[in-house]
Protein backbone atom coordinates (compact mmCIF):
# COMPACT_ATOMS: atom_id res chain seq x y z
CA MET A 1 84.52 172.76 79.22
CA THR A 2 86.48 173.12 76.00
CA ASN A 3 85.26 174.73 72.76
CA ILE A 4 83.06 171.69 72.14
CA HIS A 5 79.90 173.68 72.95
CA ARG A 6 80.42 176.22 70.17
CA ALA A 7 79.40 173.96 67.30
CA ALA A 8 76.71 171.42 66.49
CA GLY A 9 79.29 168.67 66.09
CA ALA A 10 82.78 167.76 67.23
CA ASP A 11 85.39 165.07 67.58
CA LEU A 12 85.01 164.07 71.22
CA VAL A 13 88.57 162.69 71.34
CA ARG A 14 90.32 165.78 69.96
CA ASP A 15 88.02 168.46 71.37
CA PHE A 16 87.20 167.05 74.80
CA ALA A 17 88.84 163.82 75.98
CA LEU A 18 92.46 164.78 75.23
CA PRO A 19 92.47 168.40 76.46
CA ILE A 20 90.90 167.81 79.89
CA PRO A 21 93.39 165.33 81.44
CA SER A 22 96.27 167.11 79.72
CA LYS A 23 95.32 170.44 81.26
CA VAL A 24 94.86 168.90 84.71
CA ILE A 25 98.23 167.13 84.75
CA CYS A 26 99.95 170.22 83.29
CA GLU A 27 98.59 172.42 86.07
CA MET A 28 99.55 169.90 88.74
CA LEU A 29 103.11 169.41 87.51
CA GLY A 30 103.63 173.02 86.49
CA VAL A 31 104.05 172.23 82.79
CA PRO A 32 102.86 175.04 80.47
CA TYR A 33 99.70 173.86 78.74
CA LYS A 34 100.81 175.64 75.55
CA ASP A 35 103.30 172.78 75.13
CA HIS A 36 100.69 170.01 75.45
CA GLU A 37 100.73 169.10 71.75
CA MET A 38 104.44 168.36 71.95
CA PHE A 39 104.25 166.01 74.88
CA GLN A 40 101.07 164.38 73.60
CA LEU A 41 102.83 163.43 70.37
CA ASP A 42 105.81 162.02 72.25
CA SER A 43 103.46 160.23 74.67
CA GLN A 44 101.75 158.55 71.75
CA VAL A 45 105.11 157.29 70.51
CA LEU A 46 105.96 155.86 73.93
CA MET A 47 102.56 154.15 74.15
CA SER A 48 102.61 152.66 70.64
CA PHE A 49 103.55 149.06 69.95
CA GLU A 50 104.45 150.09 66.40
CA ALA A 51 107.17 152.57 67.41
CA ASP A 52 110.71 151.27 67.09
CA GLU A 53 113.35 151.60 69.79
CA VAL A 54 115.01 154.57 68.06
CA SER A 55 111.73 156.51 67.97
CA ARG A 56 110.92 155.59 71.56
CA GLY A 57 114.38 156.65 72.72
CA ALA A 58 114.14 159.97 70.91
CA ALA A 59 110.69 160.70 72.35
CA SER A 60 111.86 159.86 75.86
CA GLN A 61 114.96 162.04 75.48
CA ARG A 62 112.90 165.00 74.23
CA LEU A 63 110.52 164.74 77.17
CA GLU A 64 113.30 164.35 79.73
CA ALA A 65 115.23 167.29 78.27
CA TYR A 66 112.09 169.45 78.28
CA LEU A 67 111.17 168.56 81.85
CA GLY A 68 114.80 168.79 82.95
CA GLU A 69 114.85 172.42 81.87
CA LEU A 70 111.59 173.08 83.76
CA ILE A 71 113.09 171.47 86.86
CA ARG A 72 116.17 173.73 86.64
CA GLN A 73 113.81 176.70 86.48
CA ARG A 74 111.96 175.44 89.56
CA ILE A 75 115.22 174.96 91.44
CA ALA A 76 116.04 178.62 90.75
CA GLU A 77 112.48 179.88 91.33
CA PRO A 78 110.19 177.41 93.17
CA GLN A 79 106.46 177.57 92.45
CA GLY A 80 103.47 175.91 94.09
CA ASP A 81 103.42 172.97 91.66
CA LEU A 82 104.29 169.30 92.03
CA LEU A 83 107.74 169.71 90.47
CA SER A 84 108.67 172.33 93.06
CA ARG A 85 107.32 170.21 95.90
CA LEU A 86 109.27 167.19 94.68
CA ILE A 87 112.47 169.23 94.60
CA ALA A 88 111.80 170.71 98.05
CA ARG A 89 111.11 167.29 99.54
CA SER A 90 114.30 165.85 98.07
CA ASN A 91 116.31 168.73 99.52
CA ASP A 92 115.16 167.68 102.99
CA THR A 93 116.81 164.26 102.59
CA ASP A 94 120.44 163.16 102.91
CA ARG A 95 120.64 162.73 99.12
CA PRO A 96 119.02 165.51 97.11
CA LEU A 97 117.79 164.37 93.72
CA GLU A 98 119.84 165.04 90.62
CA VAL A 99 117.92 166.78 87.79
CA GLY A 100 117.75 163.56 85.78
CA GLU A 101 115.86 161.65 88.46
CA PRO A 102 112.85 163.99 88.88
CA ALA A 103 112.88 164.49 85.08
CA THR A 104 112.44 160.75 84.52
CA LEU A 105 109.76 160.56 87.21
CA SER A 106 107.99 163.59 85.71
CA VAL A 107 107.92 161.96 82.27
CA LEU A 108 106.13 158.99 83.83
CA LEU A 109 103.62 161.24 85.60
CA LEU A 110 103.05 163.41 82.54
CA VAL A 111 102.48 160.50 80.15
CA THR A 112 100.38 158.29 82.41
CA GLY A 113 98.57 161.26 83.93
CA HIS A 114 96.72 162.06 80.73
CA GLU A 115 97.00 159.08 78.37
CA THR A 116 94.91 156.53 80.26
CA THR A 117 92.21 158.94 81.45
CA ALA A 118 91.87 160.54 78.03
CA ASN A 119 91.42 157.14 76.43
CA MET A 120 88.79 156.14 78.99
CA ILE A 121 86.49 159.15 78.56
CA THR A 122 85.39 158.46 74.98
CA PRO A 123 84.80 154.67 75.22
CA GLY A 124 82.89 155.33 78.44
CA MET A 125 80.62 157.84 76.72
CA LEU A 126 80.35 155.55 73.69
CA MET A 127 79.02 152.73 75.89
CA LEU A 128 76.44 155.05 77.39
CA LEU A 129 75.30 156.34 73.99
CA GLU A 130 75.07 152.76 72.71
CA ASN A 131 72.92 151.77 75.69
CA PRO A 132 70.04 154.30 75.75
CA GLY A 133 68.38 152.59 78.71
CA LYS A 134 71.51 152.91 80.83
CA LEU A 135 72.03 156.47 79.64
CA ALA A 136 68.47 157.36 80.70
CA GLU A 137 69.09 155.69 84.05
CA LEU A 138 72.14 157.84 84.68
CA ARG A 139 70.39 161.01 83.54
CA ALA A 140 67.52 160.27 85.91
CA ASP A 141 69.89 159.70 88.83
CA PRO A 142 73.13 161.69 88.43
CA ASP A 143 74.32 160.38 91.81
CA LEU A 144 74.97 157.07 90.05
CA ILE A 145 78.03 158.53 88.35
CA GLY A 146 80.41 157.09 90.97
CA THR A 147 79.29 153.48 90.56
CA ALA A 148 78.83 154.04 86.81
CA VAL A 149 82.49 155.01 86.42
CA GLU A 150 83.62 151.96 88.42
CA GLU A 151 81.46 149.74 86.21
CA LEU A 152 82.83 151.29 83.03
CA LEU A 153 86.40 150.84 84.29
CA CYS A 154 85.71 147.10 84.69
CA TYR A 155 83.59 146.72 81.58
CA LEU A 156 86.03 148.43 79.21
CA SER A 157 89.57 147.92 80.60
CA VAL A 158 91.54 150.34 78.43
CA ILE A 159 94.75 148.55 79.44
CA GLN A 160 94.34 145.54 77.17
CA PHE A 161 97.73 143.86 77.36
CA GLY A 162 98.65 141.17 79.89
CA LEU A 163 101.35 141.48 82.52
CA LEU A 164 104.02 138.86 81.89
CA ARG A 165 105.62 136.89 84.70
CA HIS A 166 108.25 134.15 84.49
CA ALA A 167 108.07 131.30 87.01
CA THR A 168 111.44 130.71 88.65
CA GLN A 169 110.17 127.66 90.51
CA ASP A 170 107.15 125.34 90.52
CA VAL A 171 104.09 127.09 91.93
CA THR A 172 100.33 126.51 92.17
CA ILE A 173 98.07 129.48 91.41
CA GLY A 174 94.31 129.14 91.61
CA GLY A 175 94.59 125.38 91.56
CA ILE A 176 96.72 125.41 88.41
CA GLU A 177 100.27 124.07 88.52
CA VAL A 178 102.87 126.28 86.88
CA LYS A 179 106.27 124.76 86.25
CA ALA A 180 109.56 126.58 86.62
CA GLY A 181 110.50 128.21 83.32
CA GLU A 182 106.90 128.69 82.18
CA TRP A 183 105.36 132.07 81.45
CA LEU A 184 102.15 133.49 82.90
CA VAL A 185 100.02 136.29 81.50
CA ALA A 186 97.89 138.24 83.97
CA ALA A 187 95.18 139.50 81.62
CA VAL A 188 93.64 142.68 83.07
CA PRO A 189 90.44 142.57 80.93
CA SER A 190 89.86 138.94 81.90
CA GLY A 191 90.32 139.75 85.58
CA ASN A 192 87.82 142.61 85.34
CA ARG A 193 85.26 140.22 83.86
CA ASP A 194 85.86 137.45 86.43
CA GLU A 195 82.40 135.98 87.11
CA SER A 196 83.41 134.86 90.60
CA VAL A 197 83.95 138.54 91.52
CA PHE A 198 81.56 140.31 89.14
CA PRO A 199 78.42 138.21 88.49
CA SER A 200 76.94 138.79 85.01
CA SER A 201 80.09 140.75 84.20
CA ASP A 202 79.26 140.92 80.48
CA THR A 203 76.16 142.96 81.32
CA LEU A 204 76.60 146.70 81.87
CA ASP A 205 75.19 147.49 85.32
CA LEU A 206 75.69 151.12 86.35
CA GLY A 207 74.44 150.48 89.86
CA ARG A 208 76.75 147.55 90.56
CA GLN A 209 78.55 147.91 93.88
CA VAL A 210 82.04 146.97 92.69
CA ARG A 211 84.32 145.91 95.53
CA THR A 212 87.50 146.31 93.52
CA ASN A 213 88.87 146.18 89.99
CA LEU A 214 92.18 145.95 88.20
CA ALA A 215 91.87 149.14 86.16
CA PHE A 216 94.55 150.85 88.26
CA GLY A 217 96.58 147.80 89.18
CA PHE A 218 96.54 146.23 92.61
CA GLY A 219 98.51 145.98 95.83
CA ALA A 220 101.99 147.52 95.89
CA HIS A 221 101.71 148.42 92.18
CA VAL A 222 98.38 150.26 92.31
CA ARG A 223 98.38 153.50 90.33
CA ILE A 224 98.95 156.45 92.66
CA GLY A 225 96.79 158.72 90.50
CA GLN A 226 93.71 156.50 90.66
CA HIS A 227 91.62 158.92 92.73
CA LEU A 228 92.38 161.84 90.41
CA ALA A 229 91.48 159.68 87.39
CA ARG A 230 88.15 158.72 88.95
CA ILE A 231 87.30 162.35 89.66
CA GLU A 232 88.22 163.38 86.11
CA LEU A 233 86.04 160.63 84.63
CA GLN A 234 83.09 161.44 86.87
CA VAL A 235 83.28 165.16 86.12
CA ALA A 236 83.87 164.73 82.38
CA LEU A 237 81.03 162.26 81.78
CA SER A 238 78.48 163.93 84.07
CA THR A 239 79.27 167.35 82.58
CA LEU A 240 78.72 166.08 79.04
CA LEU A 241 75.37 164.58 80.01
CA ARG A 242 74.27 167.74 81.81
CA ARG A 243 75.53 170.34 79.34
CA ILE A 244 74.69 168.53 76.08
CA PRO A 245 71.57 166.42 76.65
CA GLU A 246 71.11 165.95 72.88
CA LEU A 247 74.57 164.37 72.46
CA ARG A 248 74.58 161.48 69.96
CA LEU A 249 76.97 159.64 67.69
CA ALA A 250 77.50 161.23 64.28
CA GLU A 251 78.35 157.89 62.71
CA PRO A 252 77.53 154.23 63.48
CA LEU A 253 79.69 152.41 66.00
CA ALA A 254 80.87 150.05 63.26
CA GLN A 255 82.52 153.01 61.52
CA SER A 256 84.37 154.18 64.63
CA GLU A 257 88.14 154.00 64.38
CA PHE A 258 89.75 152.29 67.37
CA LYS A 259 93.41 152.14 68.32
CA ARG A 260 94.88 148.79 67.40
CA ASN A 261 98.56 148.92 68.32
CA ASP A 262 98.81 151.04 71.45
CA ILE A 263 99.38 150.02 75.04
CA VAL A 264 96.27 151.99 76.02
CA TYR A 265 93.12 151.02 74.11
CA GLY A 266 90.75 153.69 72.91
CA LEU A 267 89.30 155.57 69.98
CA GLN A 268 91.29 157.46 67.36
CA SER A 269 88.32 159.76 66.93
CA MET A 270 84.68 159.90 67.95
CA ARG A 271 82.42 162.16 65.92
CA VAL A 272 79.36 163.39 67.81
CA ARG A 273 76.43 165.72 67.14
CA TRP A 274 73.70 167.42 69.18
């Protein structure tokens, strides 16, 4: 765990939720964790709806330049990290990757590898703290953590925006006719609360046997890091419950500050005590 256990209060976002996924993805990619504040700031720019194109471009260029330099170091001295393995795999093909290609891919992995998971930890714990009966249920049966995480992924849906698609021809979807030229919005939160798939979906049920959800996408576009994200969430939430049984909110939910203009929904901060 982080330094959260050394005081009687903390900001769960700053002191726990952000550091854990960042450290994991840094170790996997081979990115020095000492630089995590830099890439977290640039990640926030890339994930913000309020950032203009100039700011987004600058953030992307900084990240690609930073990772490009790391890749050059790995080309010269391979390590056991994901960057080195990516380079080695590309060298076995007919067209080895240029530095810019793995750098762009690494930016995607670095940003998505910590941003979504970090923003899921605190709302997940918030829901548990706001539902004492469910919290007691999970404490009594820690083996529920797997189904609990799946339920929280459906119940919260930190990816709040809809995926836009443009109909190029007339098509019928779910009994609804869509004309050529019309737009469709695939709303992830709505799909995760679909009553035909999740009965009583507006009720938090930690023991629900969820067949599937849209938290990590679906089909050909499913998030490749979904299993790692699930493990991180299970370990983070269960560790908090085990190590700090007196954990409670330091301020009412109504006073909590949520993100309003980011691609990934979550809390700006979450003050807790024990």
